[in-house]
Amino acid sequence: MKFRANIPPRWIKNAQKSRKRIEPAIVEALQSVISIRRNRPRAQVALKKANHDFKAVLSRWETAYNKENFYRGIRILLELQRNGSSKL
């Protein structure tokens, strides 16, 4: 069974750019958690909210990372099926 579908390299680059755009938000959220732990150790509600925000941003990053790797994997499998080898 031969597949004629293709995953354009642009899809992989778009997924990578999407993931890279989220990384500054991860740094900011992590610094917020660290700052609250250091400066206000008894502020449990603020710490819980900061942890929740950090996990939400990290989840978005992880989804983008998985999407990028899924596209890359499908592209490699299609190239292997067509050519017997892949450059990726």
PDB file of N, CA and C in Angstrom:
ATOM      1  N   MET A   1       0.849  -1.175   0.000  1.00  0.00           N
ATOM      2  CA  MET A   1       0.000   0.000   0.000  1.00  0.00           C
ATOM      3  C   MET A   1       0.898   1.243   0.000  1.00  0.00           C
ATOM      4  N   LYS A   2       0.742   2.072  -1.002  1.00  0.00           N
ATOM      5  CA  LYS A   2       1.553   3.286  -1.130  1.00  0.00           C
ATOM      6  C   LYS A   2       0.731   4.506  -0.740  1.00  0.00           C
ATOM      7  N   PHE A   3       1.337   5.359   0.088  1.00  0.00           N
ATOM      8  CA  PHE A   3       0.696   6.611   0.468  1.00  0.00           C
ATOM      9  C   PHE A   3       1.285   7.735  -0.375  1.00  0.00           C
ATOM     10  N   ARG A   4       0.437   8.626  -0.841  1.00  0.00           N
ATOM     11  CA  ARG A   4       0.901   9.746  -1.647  1.00  0.00           C
ATOM     12  C   ARG A   4       0.861  11.049  -0.847  1.00  0.00           C
ATOM     13  N   ALA A   5       0.558  10.963   0.419  1.00  0.00           N
ATOM     14  CA  ALA A   5       0.477  12.158   1.264  1.00  0.00           C
ATOM     15  C   ALA A   5       1.877  12.707   1.522  1.00  0.00           C
ATOM     16  N   ASN A   6       1.910  13.924   2.001  1.00  0.00           N
ATOM     17  CA  ASN A   6       3.192  14.537   2.310  1.00  0.00           C
ATOM     18  C   ASN A   6       3.022  15.492   3.483  1.00  0.00           C
ATOM     19  N   ILE A   7       4.056  15.600   4.289  1.00  0.00           N
ATOM     20  CA  ILE A   7       4.111  16.578   5.373  1.00  0.00           C
ATOM     21  C   ILE A   7       5.120  17.630   4.929  1.00  0.00           C
ATOM     22  N   PRO A   8       4.664  18.818   4.554  1.00  0.00           N
ATOM     23  CA  PRO A   8       5.607  19.849   4.102  1.00  0.00           C
ATOM     24  C   PRO A   8       6.550  20.274   5.231  1.00  0.00           C
ATOM     25  N   PRO A   9       7.803  20.594   4.901  1.00  0.00           N
ATOM     26  CA  PRO A   9       8.738  21.068   5.928  1.00  0.00           C
ATOM     27  C   PRO A   9       8.222  22.305   6.664  1.00  0.00           C
ATOM     28  N   ARG A  10       7.381  23.093   5.982  1.00  0.00           N
ATOM     29  CA  ARG A  10       6.816  24.296   6.605  1.00  0.00           C
ATOM     30  C   ARG A  10       5.982  23.946   7.830  1.00  0.00           C
ATOM     31  N   TRP A  11       5.277  22.813   7.800  1.00  0.00           N
ATOM     32  CA  TRP A  11       4.471  22.408   8.962  1.00  0.00           C
ATOM     33  C   TRP A  11       5.370  22.185  10.169  1.00  0.00           C
ATOM     34  N   ILE A  12       6.509  21.538   9.942  1.00  0.00           N
ATOM     35  CA  ILE A  12       7.445  21.267  11.036  1.00  0.00           C
ATOM     36  C   ILE A  12       8.017  22.583  11.561  1.00  0.00           C
ATOM     37  N   LYS A  13       8.399  23.480  10.651  1.00  0.00           N
ATOM     38  CA  LYS A  13       8.947  24.782  11.073  1.00  0.00           C
ATOM     39  C   LYS A  13       7.913  25.607  11.821  1.00  0.00           C
ATOM     40  N   ASN A  14       6.650  25.587  11.370  1.00  0.00           N
ATOM     41  CA  ASN A  14       5.597  26.328  12.062  1.00  0.00           C
ATOM     42  C   ASN A  14       5.391  25.789  13.470  1.00  0.00           C
ATOM     43  N   ALA A  15       5.401  24.465  13.616  1.00  0.00           N
ATOM     44  CA  ALA A  15       5.235  23.865  14.942  1.00  0.00           C
ATOM     45  C   ALA A  15       6.415  24.237  15.839  1.00  0.00           C
ATOM     46  N   GLN A  16       7.618  24.262  15.274  1.00  0.00           N
ATOM     47  CA  GLN A  16       8.802  24.627  16.052  1.00  0.00           C
ATOM     48  C   GLN A  16       8.732  26.093  16.484  1.00  0.00           C
ATOM     49  N   LYS A  17       8.319  26.974  15.574  1.00  0.00           N
ATOM     50  CA  LYS A  17       8.202  28.392  15.928  1.00  0.00           C
ATOM     51  C   LYS A  17       7.146  28.600  16.999  1.00  0.00           C
ATOM     52  N   SER A  18       6.064  27.847  16.898  1.00  0.00           N
ATOM     53  CA  SER A  18       5.006  27.942  17.903  1.00  0.00           C
ATOM     54  C   SER A  18       5.543  27.545  19.277  1.00  0.00           C
ATOM     55  N   ARG A  19       6.335  26.478  19.309  1.00  0.00           N
ATOM     56  CA  ARG A  19       6.929  26.015  20.569  1.00  0.00           C
ATOM     57  C   ARG A  19       7.925  27.035  21.104  1.00  0.00           C
ATOM     58  N   LYS A  20       8.754  27.582  20.230  1.00  0.00           N
ATOM     59  CA  LYS A  20       9.773  28.542  20.657  1.00  0.00           C
ATOM     60  C   LYS A  20       9.153  29.839  21.176  1.00  0.00           C
ATOM     61  N   ARG A  21       7.989  30.223  20.638  1.00  0.00           N
ATOM     62  CA  ARG A  21       7.316  31.440  21.109  1.00  0.00           C
ATOM     63  C   ARG A  21       6.830  31.294  22.544  1.00  0.00           C
ATOM     64  N   ILE A  22       6.577  30.065  22.984  1.00  0.00           N
ATOM     65  CA  ILE A  22       6.053  29.819  24.329  1.00  0.00           C
ATOM     66  C   ILE A  22       7.170  29.840  25.379  1.00  0.00           C
ATOM     67  N   GLU A  23       8.407  29.587  24.978  1.00  0.00           N
ATOM     68  CA  GLU A  23       9.507  29.437  25.935  1.00  0.00           C
ATOM     69  C   GLU A  23       9.740  30.653  26.836  1.00  0.00           C
ATOM     70  N   PRO A  24       9.648  31.903  26.358  1.00  0.00           N
ATOM     71  CA  PRO A  24       9.794  33.037  27.291  1.00  0.00           C
ATOM     72  C   PRO A  24       8.717  33.053  28.374  1.00  0.00           C
ATOM     73  N   ALA A  25       7.515  32.607  28.037  1.00  0.00           N
ATOM     74  CA  ALA A  25       6.444  32.547  29.038  1.00  0.00           C
ATOM     75  C   ALA A  25       6.759  31.489  30.093  1.00  0.00           C
ATOM     76  N   ILE A  26       7.406  30.398  29.695  1.00  0.00           N
ATOM     77  CA  ILE A  26       7.805  29.361  30.651  1.00  0.00           C
ATOM     78  C   ILE A  26       8.829  29.930  31.627  1.00  0.00           C
ATOM     79  N   VAL A  27       9.812  30.645  31.102  1.00  0.00           N
ATOM     80  CA  VAL A  27      10.848  31.244  31.956  1.00  0.00           C
ATOM     81  C   VAL A  27      10.216  32.217  32.945  1.00  0.00           C
ATOM     82  N   GLU A  28       9.305  33.042  32.448  1.00  0.00           N
ATOM     83  CA  GLU A  28       8.643  34.027  33.310  1.00  0.00           C
ATOM     84  C   GLU A  28       7.825  33.344  34.408  1.00  0.00           C
ATOM     85  N   ALA A  29       7.080  32.301  34.050  1.00  0.00           N
ATOM     86  CA  ALA A  29       6.256  31.597  35.036  1.00  0.00           C
ATOM     87  C   ALA A  29       7.129  30.896  36.077  1.00  0.00           C
ATOM     88  N   LEU A  30       8.227  30.292  35.639  1.00  0.00           N
ATOM     89  CA  LEU A  30       9.121  29.612  36.575  1.00  0.00           C
ATOM     90  C   LEU A  30       9.791  30.613  37.511  1.00  0.00           C
ATOM     91  N   GLN A  31      10.197  31.753  36.986  1.00  0.00           N
ATOM     92  CA  GLN A  31      10.798  32.780  37.836  1.00  0.00           C
ATOM     93  C   GLN A  31       9.793  33.304  38.854  1.00  0.00           C
ATOM     94  N   SER A  32       8.530  33.370  38.457  1.00  0.00           N
ATOM     95  CA  SER A  32       7.484  33.801  39.383  1.00  0.00           C
ATOM     96  C   SER A  32       7.350  32.813  40.543  1.00  0.00           C
ATOM     97  N   VAL A  33       7.347  31.524  40.226  1.00  0.00           N
ATOM     98  CA  VAL A  33       7.250  30.493  41.268  1.00  0.00           C
ATOM     99  C   VAL A  33       8.453  30.578  42.207  1.00  0.00           C
ATOM    100  N   ILE A  34       9.642  30.687  41.639  1.00  0.00           N
ATOM    101  CA  ILE A  34      10.861  30.755  42.452  1.00  0.00           C
ATOM    102  C   ILE A  34      10.856  32.000  43.330  1.00  0.00           C
ATOM    103  N   SER A  35      10.430  33.123  42.761  1.00  0.00           N
ATOM    104  CA  SER A  35      10.383  34.381  43.508  1.00  0.00           C
ATOM    105  C   SER A  35       9.420  34.291  44.690  1.00  0.00           C
ATOM    106  N   ILE A  36       8.254  33.724  44.464  1.00  0.00           N
ATOM    107  CA  ILE A  36       7.274  33.589  45.554  1.00  0.00           C
ATOM    108  C   ILE A  36       7.811  32.660  46.638  1.00  0.00           C
ATOM    109  N   ARG A  37       8.437  31.555  46.238  1.00  0.00           N
ATOM    110  CA  ARG A  37       8.999  30.629  47.231  1.00  0.00           C
ATOM    111  C   ARG A  37      10.080  31.298  48.068  1.00  0.00           C
ATOM    112  N   ARG A  38      10.902  32.122  47.435  1.00  0.00           N
ATOM    113  CA  ARG A  38      12.012  32.750  48.129  1.00  0.00           C
ATOM    114  C   ARG A  38      11.552  33.931  48.990  1.00  0.00           C
ATOM    115  N   ASN A  39      10.730  34.802  48.421  1.00  0.00           N
ATOM    116  CA  ASN A  39      10.383  36.053  49.093  1.00  0.00           C
ATOM    117  C   ASN A  39       9.153  35.964  49.986  1.00  0.00           C
ATOM    118  N   ARG A  40       8.249  35.060  49.666  1.00  0.00           N
ATOM    119  CA  ARG A  40       7.004  34.959  50.445  1.00  0.00           C
ATOM    120  C   ARG A  40       6.682  33.483  50.707  1.00  0.00           C
ATOM    121  N   PRO A  41       7.475  32.817  51.527  1.00  0.00           N
ATOM    122  CA  PRO A  41       7.315  31.366  51.702  1.00  0.00           C
ATOM    123  C   PRO A  41       5.978  30.945  52.309  1.00  0.00           C
ATOM    124  N   ARG A  42       5.290  31.848  53.002  1.00  0.00           N
ATOM    125  CA  ARG A  42       4.018  31.470  53.621  1.00  0.00           C
ATOM    126  C   ARG A  42       2.806  31.823  52.754  1.00  0.00           C
ATOM    127  N   ALA A  43       3.022  32.393  51.599  1.00  0.00           N
ATOM    128  CA  ALA A  43       1.926  32.798  50.702  1.00  0.00           C
ATOM    129  C   ALA A  43       1.465  31.582  49.894  1.00  0.00           C
ATOM    130  N   GLN A  44       0.710  30.719  50.537  1.00  0.00           N
ATOM    131  CA  GLN A  44       0.317  29.452  49.926  1.00  0.00           C
ATOM    132  C   GLN A  44      -0.598  29.631  48.712  1.00  0.00           C
ATOM    133  N   VAL A  45      -1.547  30.570  48.799  1.00  0.00           N
ATOM    134  CA  VAL A  45      -2.487  30.767  47.688  1.00  0.00           C
ATOM    135  C   VAL A  45      -1.752  31.303  46.460  1.00  0.00           C
ATOM    136  N   ALA A  46      -0.875  32.273  46.665  1.00  0.00           N
ATOM    137  CA  ALA A  46      -0.106  32.832  45.549  1.00  0.00           C
ATOM    138  C   ALA A  46       0.804  31.770  44.939  1.00  0.00           C
ATOM    139  N   LEU A  47       1.405  30.945  45.784  1.00  0.00           N
ATOM    140  CA  LEU A  47       2.279  29.883  45.297  1.00  0.00           C
ATOM    141  C   LEU A  47       1.490  28.848  44.502  1.00  0.00           C
ATOM    142  N   LYS A  48       0.308  28.510  44.992  1.00  0.00           N
ATOM    143  CA  LYS A  48      -0.534  27.536  44.294  1.00  0.00           C
ATOM    144  C   LYS A  48      -0.952  28.069  42.922  1.00  0.00           C
ATOM    145  N   LYS A  49      -1.311  29.357  42.858  1.00  0.00           N
ATOM    146  CA  LYS A  49      -1.700  29.966  41.583  1.00  0.00           C
ATOM    147  C   LYS A  49      -0.511  30.020  40.628  1.00  0.00           C
ATOM    148  N   ALA A  50       0.655  30.381  41.140  1.00  0.00           N
ATOM    149  CA  ALA A  50       1.854  30.444  40.300  1.00  0.00           C
ATOM    150  C   ALA A  50       2.211  29.060  39.759  1.00  0.00           C
ATOM    151  N   ASN A  51       2.086  28.033  40.602  1.00  0.00           N
ATOM    152  CA  ASN A  51       2.336  26.662  40.146  1.00  0.00           C
ATOM    153  C   ASN A  51       1.343  26.257  39.068  1.00  0.00           C
ATOM    154  N   HIS A  52       0.080  26.625  39.265  1.00  0.00           N
ATOM    155  CA  HIS A  52      -0.965  26.300  38.291  1.00  0.00           C
ATOM    156  C   HIS A  52      -0.675  26.982  36.953  1.00  0.00           C
ATOM    157  N   ASP A  53      -0.296  28.251  36.995  1.00  0.00           N
ATOM    158  CA  ASP A  53       0.036  28.987  35.772  1.00  0.00           C
ATOM    159  C   ASP A  53       1.245  28.366  35.069  1.00  0.00           C
ATOM    160  N   PHE A  54       2.248  27.980  35.849  1.00  0.00           N
ATOM    161  CA  PHE A  54       3.443  27.353  35.279  1.00  0.00           C
ATOM    162  C   PHE A  54       3.092  26.040  34.590  1.00  0.00           C
ATOM    163  N   LYS A  55       2.267  25.222  35.239  1.00  0.00           N
ATOM    164  CA  LYS A  55       1.877  23.942  34.648  1.00  0.00           C
ATOM    165  C   LYS A  55       1.064  24.139  33.376  1.00  0.00           C
ATOM    166  N   ALA A  56       0.227  25.181  33.336  1.00  0.00           N
ATOM    167  CA  ALA A  56      -0.576  25.457  32.140  1.00  0.00           C
ATOM    168  C   ALA A  56       0.322  25.841  30.960  1.00  0.00           C
ATOM    169  N   VAL A  57       1.298  26.710  31.215  1.00  0.00           N
ATOM    170  CA  VAL A  57       2.217  27.127  30.151  1.00  0.00           C
ATOM    171  C   VAL A  57       3.061  25.942  29.699  1.00  0.00           C
ATOM    172  N   LEU A  58       3.523  25.147  30.643  1.00  0.00           N
ATOM    173  CA  LEU A  58       4.334  23.980  30.312  1.00  0.00           C
ATOM    174  C   LEU A  58       3.530  22.967  29.499  1.00  0.00           C
ATOM    175  N   SER A  59       2.257  22.827  29.800  1.00  0.00           N
ATOM    176  CA  SER A  59       1.392  21.924  29.044  1.00  0.00           C
ATOM    177  C   SER A  59       1.248  22.390  27.594  1.00  0.00           C
ATOM    178  N   ARG A  60       1.088  23.704  27.396  1.00  0.00           N
ATOM    179  CA  ARG A  60       1.009  24.242  26.028  1.00  0.00           C
ATOM    180  C   ARG A  60       2.305  23.969  25.266  1.00  0.00           C
ATOM    181  N   TRP A  61       3.450  24.139  25.945  1.00  0.00           N
ATOM    182  CA  TRP A  61       4.742  23.888  25.318  1.00  0.00           C
ATOM    183  C   TRP A  61       4.872  22.414  24.941  1.00  0.00           C
ATOM    184  N   GLU A  62       4.460  21.542  25.859  1.00  0.00           N
ATOM    185  CA  GLU A  62       4.569  20.106  25.612  1.00  0.00           C
ATOM    186  C   GLU A  62       3.701  19.679  24.432  1.00  0.00           C
ATOM    187  N   THR A  63       2.511  20.248  24.320  1.00  0.00           N
ATOM    188  CA  THR A  63       1.635  19.939  23.195  1.00  0.00           C
ATOM    189  C   THR A  63       2.293  20.360  21.878  1.00  0.00           C
ATOM    190  N   ALA A  64       2.880  21.544  21.853  1.00  0.00           N
ATOM    191  CA  ALA A  64       3.563  22.021  20.647  1.00  0.00           C
ATOM    192  C   ALA A  64       4.767  21.138  20.318  1.00  0.00           C
ATOM    193  N   TYR A  65       5.498  20.696  21.336  1.00  0.00           N
ATOM    194  CA  TYR A  65       6.655  19.819  21.142  1.00  0.00           C
ATOM    195  C   TYR A  65       6.221  18.476  20.561  1.00  0.00           C
ATOM    196  N   ASN A  66       5.154  17.917  21.115  1.00  0.00           N
ATOM    197  CA  ASN A  66       4.648  16.640  20.611  1.00  0.00           C
ATOM    198  C   ASN A  66       4.164  16.762  19.170  1.00  0.00           C
ATOM    199  N   LYS A  67       3.520  17.879  18.841  1.00  0.00           N
ATOM    200  CA  LYS A  67       3.034  18.105  17.484  1.00  0.00           C
ATOM    201  C   LYS A  67       4.200  18.181  16.501  1.00  0.00           C
ATOM    202  N   GLU A  68       5.233  18.917  16.886  1.00  0.00           N
ATOM    203  CA  GLU A  68       6.416  19.042  16.030  1.00  0.00           C
ATOM    204  C   GLU A  68       7.048  17.675  15.774  1.00  0.00           C
ATOM    205  N   ASN A  69       7.207  16.880  16.824  1.00  0.00           N
ATOM    206  CA  ASN A  69       7.820  15.563  16.669  1.00  0.00           C
ATOM    207  C   ASN A  69       6.926  14.593  15.913  1.00  0.00           C
ATOM    208  N   PHE A  70       5.611  14.732  16.052  1.00  0.00           N
ATOM    209  CA  PHE A  70       4.685  13.894  15.291  1.00  0.00           C
ATOM    210  C   PHE A  70       4.846  14.174  13.797  1.00  0.00           C
ATOM    211  N   TYR A  71       4.845  15.450  13.421  1.00  0.00           N
ATOM    212  CA  TYR A  71       5.018  15.804  12.009  1.00  0.00           C
ATOM    213  C   TYR A  71       6.354  15.294  11.477  1.00  0.00           C
ATOM    214  N   ARG A  72       7.401  15.469  12.273  1.00  0.00           N
ATOM    215  CA  ARG A  72       8.726  15.014  11.848  1.00  0.00           C
ATOM    216  C   ARG A  72       8.749  13.491  11.660  1.00  0.00           C
ATOM    217  N   GLY A  73       8.135  12.768  12.592  1.00  0.00           N
ATOM    218  CA  GLY A  73       8.102  11.309  12.502  1.00  0.00           C
ATOM    219  C   GLY A  73       7.315  10.811  11.308  1.00  0.00           C
ATOM    220  N   ILE A  74       6.151  11.417  11.057  1.00  0.00           N
ATOM    221  CA  ILE A  74       5.350  11.014   9.900  1.00  0.00           C
ATOM    222  C   ILE A  74       6.112  11.304   8.608  1.00  0.00           C
ATOM    223  N   ARG A  75       6.774  12.458   8.552  1.00  0.00           N
ATOM    224  CA  ARG A  75       7.551  12.798   7.351  1.00  0.00           C
ATOM    225  C   ARG A  75       8.665  11.779   7.121  1.00  0.00           C
ATOM    226  N   ILE A  76       9.353  11.389   8.179  1.00  0.00           N
ATOM    227  CA  ILE A  76      10.429  10.398   8.058  1.00  0.00           C
ATOM    228  C   ILE A  76       9.875   9.060   7.588  1.00  0.00           C
ATOM    229  N   LEU A  77       8.754   8.626   8.171  1.00  0.00           N
ATOM    230  CA  LEU A  77       8.162   7.351   7.755  1.00  0.00           C
ATOM    231  C   LEU A  77       7.747   7.370   6.288  1.00  0.00           C
ATOM    232  N   LEU A  78       7.172   8.474   5.834  1.00  0.00           N
ATOM    233  CA  LEU A  78       6.781   8.568   4.427  1.00  0.00           C
ATOM    234  C   LEU A  78       8.004   8.559   3.518  1.00  0.00           C
ATOM    235  N   GLU A  79       9.084   9.242   3.922  1.00  0.00           N
ATOM    236  CA  GLU A  79      10.312   9.226   3.121  1.00  0.00           C
ATOM    237  C   GLU A  79      10.927   7.833   3.091  1.00  0.00           C
ATOM    238  N   LEU A  80      10.900   7.143   4.217  1.00  0.00           N
ATOM    239  CA  LEU A  80      11.432   5.774   4.253  1.00  0.00           C
ATOM    240  C   LEU A  80      10.643   4.863   3.324  1.00  0.00           C
ATOM    241  N   GLN A  81       9.337   5.039   3.311  1.00  0.00           N
ATOM    242  CA  GLN A  81       8.500   4.199   2.463  1.00  0.00           C
ATOM    243  C   GLN A  81       8.789   4.474   0.982  1.00  0.00           C
ATOM    244  N   ARG A  82       8.982   5.748   0.641  1.00  0.00           N
ATOM    245  CA  ARG A  82       9.215   6.110  -0.762  1.00  0.00           C
ATOM    246  C   ARG A  82      10.636   5.780  -1.219  1.00  0.00           C
ATOM    247  N   ASN A  83      11.630   6.186  -0.426  1.00  0.00           N
ATOM    248  CA  ASN A  83      13.028   6.133  -0.877  1.00  0.00           C
ATOM    249  C   ASN A  83      13.858   5.045  -0.207  1.00  0.00           C
ATOM    250  N   GLY A  84      13.414   4.554   0.911  1.00  0.00           N
ATOM    251  CA  GLY A  84      14.212   3.592   1.654  1.00  0.00           C
ATOM    252  C   GLY A  84      15.179   4.255   2.621  1.00  0.00           C
ATOM    253  N   SER A  85      15.284   5.584   2.573  1.00  0.00           N
ATOM    254  CA  SER A  85      16.126   6.318   3.517  1.00  0.00           C
ATOM    255  C   SER A  85      15.544   7.713   3.706  1.00  0.00           C
ATOM    256  N   SER A  86      16.038   8.384   4.750  1.00  0.00           N
ATOM    257  CA  SER A  86      15.544   9.725   5.052  1.00  0.00           C
ATOM    258  C   SER A  86      16.711  10.632   5.400  1.00  0.00           C
ATOM    259  N   LYS A  87      16.595  11.897   5.036  1.00  0.00           N
ATOM    260  CA  LYS A  87      17.639  12.866   5.362  1.00  0.00           C
ATOM    261  C   LYS A  87      17.419  13.500   6.721  1.00  0.00           C
ATOM    262  N   LEU A  88      16.249  13.297   7.303  1.00  0.00           N
ATOM    263  CA  LEU A  88      15.951  13.913   8.602  1.00  0.00           C
ATOM    264  C   LEU A  88      16.499  13.113   9.741  1.00  0.00           C
TER     265      LEU A  88
END
